[in-house]
Amino acid sequence: MRGLYVIVDLDALAARGLDPLAFAAAALAGRPCALQLRAKSATPEETVALLRALRPLCSAAGVPLVANDRPDLAVVAGADMVHVGQTDASPMLVRAVAPKLALGISTHTPEQLNDALRHMPSYVAFGPVWQTRSKSAPDPVVGVAGLKQAVRLLRHHAAETGDAPPLVAIGGVTLDRVAEIAGFVSAAAVISDLLPPSDLAGDDAYAYVRARTSQFAAAFVDPVRASLVSLPEAGRS
């Protein structure tokens, strides 16, 4: 896992008037390392239907599809992974419900990170690195220094066990900030900074998403190259 971890947040997309599948297709064109459906306000039936619709898009792009919170829905819909936070289904429950499903875990403190490692996740997320607007009651900001502490913990874990999962930075990650962390994390999860400006609509809006995703992906390879990717302007088709 290396690069941009796209989060398709239904509430954020609805507020911007964007179609989830069209947004996902545009984001997948930039070859992210993963795509997660975050459907906090959707019914289980709606979530399964969207996951099933996203499945062929992700498969065609060679990008793993991640369900948020619900391992049962992930299994029913054929997702590749499930992501859980500290207040969601426990890793032990996930293993019981879906023993073959890949697992990602959000953590916010060194203690939570160490506990997550006991469950041998496919990746661990850590943050919020910066202040975030995607949660109504976010955890305290850890900053870049806190993220580097998480890296040291993972390196220590790797020295003891011979392996450590990829680290995904979460919380307030923007294109302007990603260069600060791309050198020492595996990936960065992004919601808000992929959304097009309000003055872009229709095809222009999704063209912006495609270009923005490519910029983030490039930032993990070459920050200078990322700055050269052009973004659409309002009124262009």
Protein backbone atom coordinates (compact mmCIF):
# COMPACT_ATOMS: atom_id res chain seq x y z
CA MET A 1 0.00 0.00 0.00
CA ARG A 2 1.60 3.22 -1.17
CA GLY A 3 0.08 6.55 -2.17
CA LEU A 4 -3.38 8.10 -1.88
CA TYR A 5 -6.11 6.34 0.07
CA VAL A 6 -9.37 7.74 -1.34
CA ILE A 7 -12.42 7.98 0.92
CA VAL A 8 -15.78 8.22 -0.82
CA ASP A 9 -17.76 9.97 1.91
CA LEU A 10 -21.44 10.01 0.98
CA ASP A 11 -22.34 12.94 3.23
CA ALA A 12 -19.50 15.10 1.89
CA LEU A 13 -20.41 14.23 -1.70
CA ALA A 14 -24.11 14.91 -1.15
CA ALA A 15 -23.32 18.34 0.29
CA ARG A 16 -21.37 19.10 -2.88
CA GLY A 17 -23.96 17.56 -5.23
CA LEU A 18 -21.61 14.85 -6.52
CA ASP A 19 -22.56 11.35 -7.62
CA PRO A 20 -20.64 8.71 -5.59
CA LEU A 21 -20.01 6.37 -8.51
CA ALA A 22 -18.91 9.15 -10.86
CA PHE A 23 -16.66 10.53 -8.12
CA ALA A 24 -15.17 7.09 -7.49
CA ALA A 25 -14.56 6.50 -11.20
CA ALA A 26 -12.78 9.85 -11.47
CA ALA A 27 -10.68 9.17 -8.39
CA LEU A 28 -9.75 5.66 -9.56
CA ALA A 29 -8.36 7.16 -12.78
CA GLY A 30 -5.55 8.60 -10.64
CA ARG A 31 -4.58 5.08 -9.44
CA PRO A 32 -4.92 5.45 -5.67
CA CYS A 33 -3.71 2.65 -3.41
CA ALA A 34 -7.18 2.01 -1.93
CA LEU A 35 -10.75 3.29 -2.09
CA GLN A 36 -13.06 3.27 0.92
CA LEU A 37 -16.82 3.78 0.99
CA ARG A 38 -17.82 5.81 4.05
CA ALA A 39 -21.60 5.67 4.32
CA LYS A 40 -22.44 6.78 7.85
CA SER A 41 -26.00 7.89 7.01
CA ALA A 42 -26.90 5.12 4.55
CA THR A 43 -29.00 2.06 5.31
CA PRO A 44 -27.32 -1.37 5.20
CA GLU A 45 -29.14 -2.09 1.95
CA GLU A 46 -27.92 1.16 0.38
CA THR A 47 -24.38 0.48 1.56
CA VAL A 48 -24.33 -3.02 0.09
CA ALA A 49 -25.75 -1.75 -3.20
CA LEU A 50 -23.07 0.94 -3.46
CA LEU A 51 -20.27 -1.45 -2.53
CA ARG A 52 -21.47 -3.86 -5.21
CA ALA A 53 -21.54 -1.03 -7.74
CA LEU A 54 -18.03 0.05 -6.74
CA ARG A 55 -16.65 -3.49 -6.88
CA PRO A 56 -16.21 -3.71 -10.70
CA LEU A 57 -14.81 -0.17 -10.86
CA CYS A 58 -12.15 -1.00 -8.28
CA SER A 59 -11.41 -4.37 -9.84
CA ALA A 60 -10.87 -2.81 -13.26
CA ALA A 61 -8.47 -0.27 -11.74
CA GLY A 62 -6.67 -2.87 -9.63
CA VAL A 63 -7.49 -0.95 -6.45
CA PRO A 64 -8.74 -2.65 -3.25
CA LEU A 65 -12.28 -1.75 -2.16
CA VAL A 66 -12.65 -1.01 1.55
CA ALA A 67 -15.94 -1.02 3.49
CA ASN A 68 -16.17 1.21 6.53
CA ASP A 69 -17.30 -0.09 9.95
CA ARG A 70 -19.30 -3.15 8.85
CA PRO A 71 -17.50 -6.45 8.23
CA ASP A 72 -20.81 -8.20 7.60
CA LEU A 73 -21.71 -5.82 4.78
CA ALA A 74 -18.16 -6.05 3.42
CA VAL A 75 -18.50 -9.82 3.10
CA VAL A 76 -21.98 -9.66 1.54
CA ALA A 77 -20.86 -7.07 -1.02
CA GLY A 78 -17.56 -8.73 -1.86
CA ALA A 79 -15.29 -5.94 -0.61
CA ASP A 80 -11.57 -6.61 -0.23
CA MET A 81 -11.15 -5.02 3.18
CA VAL A 82 -13.00 -3.51 6.12
CA HIS A 83 -11.85 -0.48 8.10
CA VAL A 84 -12.82 0.00 11.73
CA GLY A 85 -12.28 2.84 14.17
CA GLN A 86 -11.97 2.77 17.93
CA THR A 87 -15.74 2.98 18.43
CA ASP A 88 -16.71 0.57 15.63
CA ALA A 89 -16.74 -3.22 15.54
CA SER A 90 -13.79 -4.60 17.48
CA PRO A 91 -10.96 -6.32 15.59
CA MET A 92 -11.87 -9.54 17.43
CA LEU A 93 -15.46 -9.30 16.14
CA VAL A 94 -14.20 -8.63 12.62
CA ARG A 95 -12.02 -11.74 12.78
CA ALA A 96 -14.98 -13.77 14.04
CA VAL A 97 -17.43 -12.50 11.42
CA ALA A 98 -15.01 -12.39 8.48
CA PRO A 99 -11.77 -14.28 9.22
CA LYS A 100 -10.52 -13.97 5.62
CA LEU A 101 -11.30 -10.26 5.21
CA ALA A 102 -8.35 -7.87 5.24
CA LEU A 103 -8.55 -5.43 8.15
CA GLY A 104 -7.52 -1.79 8.64
CA ILE A 105 -7.70 -0.06 12.02
CA SER A 106 -7.77 3.65 12.95
CA THR A 107 -5.64 4.63 15.94
CA HIS A 108 -5.04 7.94 17.66
CA THR A 109 -2.55 7.23 20.44
CA PRO A 110 0.57 5.08 20.82
CA GLU A 111 -1.39 2.81 23.17
CA GLN A 112 -4.13 2.26 20.59
CA LEU A 113 -1.53 1.62 17.92
CA ASN A 114 0.22 -1.02 20.01
CA ASP A 115 -3.11 -2.68 20.74
CA ALA A 116 -4.05 -2.67 17.04
CA LEU A 117 -0.82 -4.44 16.14
CA ARG A 118 -1.86 -7.43 18.24
CA HIS A 119 -4.59 -8.14 15.68
CA MET A 120 -2.18 -8.28 12.71
CA PRO A 121 -4.03 -5.71 10.56
CA SER A 122 -3.35 -5.23 6.87
CA TYR A 123 -2.66 -1.56 7.67
CA VAL A 124 -2.98 0.87 10.57
CA ALA A 125 -4.18 4.46 10.28
CA PHE A 126 -2.91 7.12 12.70
CA GLY A 127 -4.03 10.68 13.38
CA PRO A 128 -5.57 13.15 13.06
CA VAL A 129 -2.30 14.64 11.88
CA TRP A 130 -3.96 18.01 11.34
CA GLN A 131 -7.34 19.42 12.33
CA THR A 132 -10.13 17.74 10.39
CA ARG A 133 -13.69 18.71 9.49
CA SER A 134 -14.86 15.24 8.50
CA LYS A 135 -15.82 14.26 12.07
CA SER A 136 -18.12 16.09 14.48
CA ALA A 137 -16.01 15.10 17.51
CA PRO A 138 -12.48 14.42 16.26
CA ASP A 139 -9.69 13.05 18.42
CA PRO A 140 -6.89 15.42 19.49
CA VAL A 141 -4.46 16.40 16.74
CA VAL A 142 -1.23 14.38 16.89
CA GLY A 143 0.76 16.54 14.48
CA VAL A 144 3.66 15.46 12.31
CA ALA A 145 5.67 14.74 15.46
CA GLY A 146 3.01 12.31 16.67
CA LEU A 147 2.95 10.63 13.28
CA LYS A 148 6.73 10.18 13.42
CA GLN A 149 6.32 8.59 16.86
CA ALA A 150 3.92 6.10 15.29
CA VAL A 151 6.57 5.33 12.66
CA ARG A 152 9.11 4.62 15.40
CA LEU A 153 6.66 2.27 17.13
CA LEU A 154 6.10 0.38 13.88
CA ARG A 155 9.84 0.11 13.27
CA HIS A 156 10.30 -1.27 16.78
CA HIS A 157 7.49 -3.74 16.14
CA ALA A 158 9.13 -4.80 12.88
CA ALA A 159 12.47 -5.30 14.65
CA GLU A 160 10.80 -7.56 17.21
CA THR A 161 8.49 -9.53 14.93
CA GLY A 162 10.08 -9.24 11.51
CA ASP A 163 7.13 -7.37 10.01
CA ALA A 164 4.89 -4.32 10.43
CA PRO A 165 1.77 -3.15 8.58
CA PRO A 166 1.74 -0.05 6.35
CA LEU A 167 0.99 3.25 8.10
CA VAL A 168 -1.78 5.48 6.70
CA ALA A 169 -1.88 9.12 7.80
CA ILE A 170 -5.38 10.40 8.53
CA GLY A 171 -6.92 13.74 9.41
CA GLY A 172 -6.58 17.08 7.66
CA VAL A 173 -4.27 15.84 4.89
CA THR A 174 -4.18 18.25 1.96
CA LEU A 175 -2.11 18.45 -1.21
CA ASP A 176 -0.14 21.33 0.30
CA ARG A 177 0.72 19.22 3.36
CA VAL A 178 1.25 15.75 1.94
CA ALA A 179 4.91 16.39 1.05
CA GLU A 180 5.60 16.79 4.79
CA ILE A 181 4.66 13.17 5.44
CA ALA A 182 5.06 11.28 2.14
CA GLY A 183 8.65 10.39 2.96
CA PHE A 184 7.83 8.29 6.01
CA VAL A 185 4.24 7.02 5.74
CA SER A 186 2.90 4.46 3.29
CA ALA A 187 -0.29 6.33 2.38
CA ALA A 188 -2.55 9.25 3.26
CA ALA A 189 -6.34 9.12 3.53
CA VAL A 190 -8.16 12.11 2.04
CA ILE A 191 -11.78 13.24 1.86
CA SER A 192 -12.25 17.01 1.65
CA ASP A 193 -9.21 17.97 -0.39
CA LEU A 194 -10.34 15.81 -3.30
CA LEU A 195 -13.63 17.68 -3.65
CA PRO A 196 -13.86 20.20 -6.51
CA PRO A 197 -14.47 23.91 -5.86
CA SER A 198 -18.13 24.94 -5.80
CA ASP A 199 -17.78 26.81 -9.09
CA LEU A 200 -17.02 23.59 -10.98
CA ALA A 201 -19.92 21.41 -12.09
CA GLY A 202 -20.66 18.45 -14.35
CA ASP A 203 -17.72 17.03 -16.29
CA ASP A 204 -15.44 19.81 -15.05
CA ALA A 205 -16.00 18.75 -11.45
CA TYR A 206 -15.02 15.14 -12.12
CA ALA A 207 -12.07 16.22 -14.26
CA TYR A 208 -10.85 18.14 -11.22
CA VAL A 209 -11.16 14.99 -9.09
CA ARG A 210 -9.14 12.99 -11.63
CA ALA A 211 -6.38 15.59 -11.73
CA ARG A 212 -6.38 16.07 -7.96
CA THR A 213 -6.08 12.34 -7.36
CA SER A 214 -3.16 12.19 -9.79
CA GLN A 215 -1.47 15.05 -7.94
CA PHE A 216 -1.74 13.23 -4.62
CA ALA A 217 -0.45 10.00 -6.14
CA ALA A 218 2.48 11.84 -7.71
CA ALA A 219 3.33 13.50 -4.40
CA PHE A 220 4.30 10.09 -3.03
CA VAL A 221 6.74 9.65 -5.92
CA ASP A 222 7.91 13.16 -6.74
CA PRO A 223 6.50 16.34 -5.11
CA VAL A 224 7.80 18.49 -7.98
CA ARG A 225 5.98 16.35 -10.53
CA ALA A 226 2.80 16.68 -8.44
CA SER A 227 2.90 20.46 -8.75
CA LEU A 228 2.98 20.20 -12.55
CA VAL A 229 -0.34 18.35 -12.86
CA SER A 230 -2.87 20.95 -14.06
CA LEU A 231 -6.34 21.30 -12.59
CA PRO A 232 -9.47 22.22 -14.56
CA GLU A 233 -10.85 25.72 -14.33
CA ALA A 234 -14.50 26.71 -14.12
CA GLY A 235 -16.18 26.91 -17.51
CA ARG A 236 -13.85 24.42 -19.20
CA SER A 237 -15.24 21.19 -20.61
